[in-house]
């Protein structure tokens, strides 16, 4: 679960891009940090790593189509 506007919201109800972001953060071992302190607690390196992996997956998905 994640916090959105102070409420807990199941990740499954988020948009696909948001779900992907959380999925990648979990793979990198950052999910607990985000859940506890929010996205602002990430370093620039951590945020960049997540963004890079999102871009890579989006590119791979477009090639499959």
N, C-alpha and C. Protein backbone atom coordinates (compact mmCIF):
# COMPACT_ATOMS: atom_id res chain seq x y z
N UNK A 1 0.84 -1.17 0.00
CA UNK A 1 0.00 0.00 0.00
C UNK A 1 0.88 1.23 0.00
N UNK A 2 0.33 2.30 -0.49
CA UNK A 2 1.07 3.55 -0.57
C UNK A 2 0.22 4.68 -0.03
N UNK A 3 0.83 5.76 0.32
CA UNK A 3 0.09 6.90 0.82
C UNK A 3 -0.16 7.88 -0.33
N UNK A 4 -1.39 8.31 -0.43
CA UNK A 4 -1.75 9.29 -1.44
C UNK A 4 -2.74 10.23 -0.76
N UNK A 5 -2.38 11.49 -0.63
CA UNK A 5 -3.20 12.48 0.05
C UNK A 5 -3.51 12.06 1.49
N UNK A 6 -2.55 11.42 2.13
CA UNK A 6 -2.71 10.99 3.50
C UNK A 6 -3.49 9.71 3.69
N UNK A 7 -4.02 9.16 2.60
CA UNK A 7 -4.79 7.92 2.69
C UNK A 7 -3.98 6.78 2.11
N UNK A 8 -4.23 5.60 2.63
CA UNK A 8 -3.57 4.43 2.06
C UNK A 8 -4.40 3.94 0.89
N UNK A 9 -3.72 3.72 -0.24
CA UNK A 9 -4.38 3.31 -1.47
C UNK A 9 -3.68 2.06 -1.98
N UNK A 10 -4.43 1.02 -2.34
CA UNK A 10 -3.80 -0.17 -2.91
C UNK A 10 -3.09 0.17 -4.21
N UNK A 11 -1.90 -0.36 -4.39
CA UNK A 11 -1.10 -0.06 -5.58
C UNK A 11 -1.83 -0.49 -6.84
N UNK A 12 -2.61 -1.56 -6.75
CA UNK A 12 -3.34 -2.06 -7.93
C UNK A 12 -4.30 -1.04 -8.51
N UNK A 13 -4.71 -0.04 -7.72
CA UNK A 13 -5.67 0.95 -8.21
C UNK A 13 -4.98 2.13 -8.90
N UNK A 14 -3.66 2.17 -8.88
CA UNK A 14 -2.92 3.25 -9.51
C UNK A 14 -2.81 3.02 -11.02
N UNK A 15 -2.44 4.08 -11.74
CA UNK A 15 -2.21 3.96 -13.18
C UNK A 15 -1.04 3.02 -13.44
N UNK A 16 -0.99 2.48 -14.66
CA UNK A 16 0.04 1.49 -14.99
C UNK A 16 1.45 2.05 -14.79
N UNK A 17 1.68 3.30 -15.17
CA UNK A 17 3.02 3.88 -15.00
C UNK A 17 3.40 3.98 -13.52
N UNK A 18 2.43 4.33 -12.68
CA UNK A 18 2.69 4.40 -11.25
C UNK A 18 2.97 3.01 -10.69
N UNK A 19 2.23 2.02 -11.15
CA UNK A 19 2.47 0.65 -10.71
C UNK A 19 3.86 0.20 -11.09
N UNK A 20 4.28 0.54 -12.30
CA UNK A 20 5.61 0.18 -12.78
C UNK A 20 6.68 0.82 -11.90
N UNK A 21 6.47 2.07 -11.54
CA UNK A 21 7.43 2.77 -10.70
C UNK A 21 7.59 2.07 -9.34
N UNK A 22 6.49 1.69 -8.75
CA UNK A 22 6.56 0.99 -7.47
C UNK A 22 7.18 -0.40 -7.63
N UNK A 23 6.87 -1.08 -8.72
CA UNK A 23 7.42 -2.40 -8.98
C UNK A 23 8.94 -2.34 -9.08
N UNK A 24 9.45 -1.37 -9.82
CA UNK A 24 10.90 -1.21 -9.98
C UNK A 24 11.54 -0.81 -8.65
N UNK A 25 10.90 0.07 -7.91
CA UNK A 25 11.43 0.46 -6.60
C UNK A 25 11.54 -0.76 -5.69
N UNK A 26 10.56 -1.64 -5.77
CA UNK A 26 10.59 -2.87 -4.97
C UNK A 26 11.73 -3.77 -5.40
N UNK A 27 11.95 -3.89 -6.71
CA UNK A 27 13.05 -4.71 -7.22
C UNK A 27 14.40 -4.19 -6.75
N UNK A 28 14.51 -2.88 -6.61
CA UNK A 28 15.77 -2.26 -6.19
C UNK A 28 15.91 -2.21 -4.66
N UNK A 29 14.90 -2.69 -3.96
CA UNK A 29 14.95 -2.70 -2.50
C UNK A 29 14.65 -1.35 -1.88
N UNK A 30 13.94 -0.49 -2.60
CA UNK A 30 13.65 0.86 -2.12
C UNK A 30 12.21 1.05 -1.67
N UNK A 31 11.38 0.02 -1.84
CA UNK A 31 9.95 0.16 -1.56
C UNK A 31 9.68 0.56 -0.11
N UNK A 32 10.35 -0.10 0.82
CA UNK A 32 10.12 0.20 2.24
C UNK A 32 10.51 1.63 2.57
N UNK A 33 11.60 2.11 1.98
CA UNK A 33 12.04 3.48 2.21
C UNK A 33 11.00 4.47 1.69
N UNK A 34 10.44 4.18 0.53
CA UNK A 34 9.43 5.05 -0.06
C UNK A 34 8.15 5.00 0.76
N UNK A 35 7.76 3.82 1.18
CA UNK A 35 6.54 3.66 1.96
C UNK A 35 6.65 4.38 3.31
N UNK A 36 7.82 4.35 3.89
CA UNK A 36 8.03 4.96 5.20
C UNK A 36 8.19 6.48 5.12
N UNK A 37 9.00 6.95 4.16
CA UNK A 37 9.36 8.37 4.13
C UNK A 37 8.89 9.12 2.89
N UNK A 38 8.37 8.42 1.90
CA UNK A 38 7.89 9.09 0.70
C UNK A 38 8.97 9.16 -0.37
N UNK A 39 8.55 9.57 -1.56
CA UNK A 39 9.46 9.64 -2.70
C UNK A 39 10.57 10.67 -2.50
N UNK A 40 10.31 11.70 -1.72
CA UNK A 40 11.30 12.75 -1.47
C UNK A 40 12.51 12.27 -0.69
N UNK A 41 12.41 11.11 -0.07
CA UNK A 41 13.52 10.57 0.72
C UNK A 41 14.58 9.91 -0.15
N UNK A 42 14.27 9.68 -1.42
CA UNK A 42 15.24 9.03 -2.31
C UNK A 42 16.34 10.00 -2.71
N UNK A 43 17.52 9.46 -2.91
CA UNK A 43 18.62 10.27 -3.42
C UNK A 43 18.44 10.46 -4.92
N UNK A 44 19.17 11.39 -5.49
CA UNK A 44 19.09 11.62 -6.93
C UNK A 44 19.51 10.37 -7.69
N UNK A 45 20.48 9.67 -7.18
CA UNK A 45 20.96 8.44 -7.82
C UNK A 45 19.88 7.37 -7.83
N UNK A 46 19.18 7.21 -6.71
CA UNK A 46 18.12 6.22 -6.62
C UNK A 46 16.96 6.57 -7.56
N UNK A 47 16.58 7.83 -7.57
CA UNK A 47 15.50 8.27 -8.45
C UNK A 47 15.88 8.09 -9.91
N UNK A 48 17.11 8.41 -10.23
CA UNK A 48 17.60 8.26 -11.60
C UNK A 48 17.63 6.81 -12.04
N UNK A 49 17.97 5.94 -11.13
CA UNK A 49 17.99 4.51 -11.44
C UNK A 49 16.58 4.00 -11.75
N UNK A 50 15.62 4.43 -10.97
CA UNK A 50 14.22 4.05 -11.21
C UNK A 50 13.77 4.59 -12.56
N UNK A 51 14.06 5.85 -12.82
CA UNK A 51 13.67 6.46 -14.10
C UNK A 51 14.31 5.77 -15.29
N UNK A 52 15.57 5.40 -15.16
CA UNK A 52 16.27 4.71 -16.23
C UNK A 52 15.67 3.35 -16.52
N UNK A 53 15.29 2.65 -15.48
CA UNK A 53 14.70 1.33 -15.67
C UNK A 53 13.29 1.44 -16.27
N UNK A 54 12.55 2.48 -15.89
CA UNK A 54 11.23 2.70 -16.49
C UNK A 54 11.38 2.95 -17.99
N UNK A 55 12.33 3.79 -18.35
CA UNK A 55 12.54 4.09 -19.76
C UNK A 55 12.95 2.83 -20.54
N UNK A 56 13.82 2.04 -19.94
CA UNK A 56 14.28 0.81 -20.59
C UNK A 56 13.10 -0.14 -20.84
N UNK A 57 12.25 -0.30 -19.84
CA UNK A 57 11.09 -1.20 -19.99
C UNK A 57 10.10 -0.66 -21.02
N UNK A 58 9.88 0.64 -21.01
CA UNK A 58 8.97 1.22 -22.01
C UNK A 58 9.50 1.02 -23.42
N UNK A 59 10.80 1.17 -23.60
CA UNK A 59 11.42 0.95 -24.91
C UNK A 59 11.27 -0.50 -25.33
N UNK A 60 11.51 -1.42 -24.41
CA UNK A 60 11.37 -2.84 -24.71
C UNK A 60 9.93 -3.18 -25.10
N UNK A 61 8.97 -2.59 -24.38
CA UNK A 61 7.56 -2.86 -24.68
C UNK A 61 7.16 -2.33 -26.06
N UNK A 62 7.71 -1.18 -26.43
CA UNK A 62 7.39 -0.60 -27.75
C UNK A 62 7.98 -1.45 -28.86
N UNK A 63 9.16 -2.03 -28.64
CA UNK A 63 9.77 -2.89 -29.65
C UNK A 63 8.97 -4.17 -29.85
N UNK A 64 8.34 -4.67 -28.78
CA UNK A 64 7.53 -5.87 -28.87
C UNK A 64 6.29 -5.65 -29.73
N UNK A 65 5.77 -4.41 -29.70
CA UNK A 65 4.58 -4.09 -30.48
C UNK A 65 4.96 -3.98 -31.91
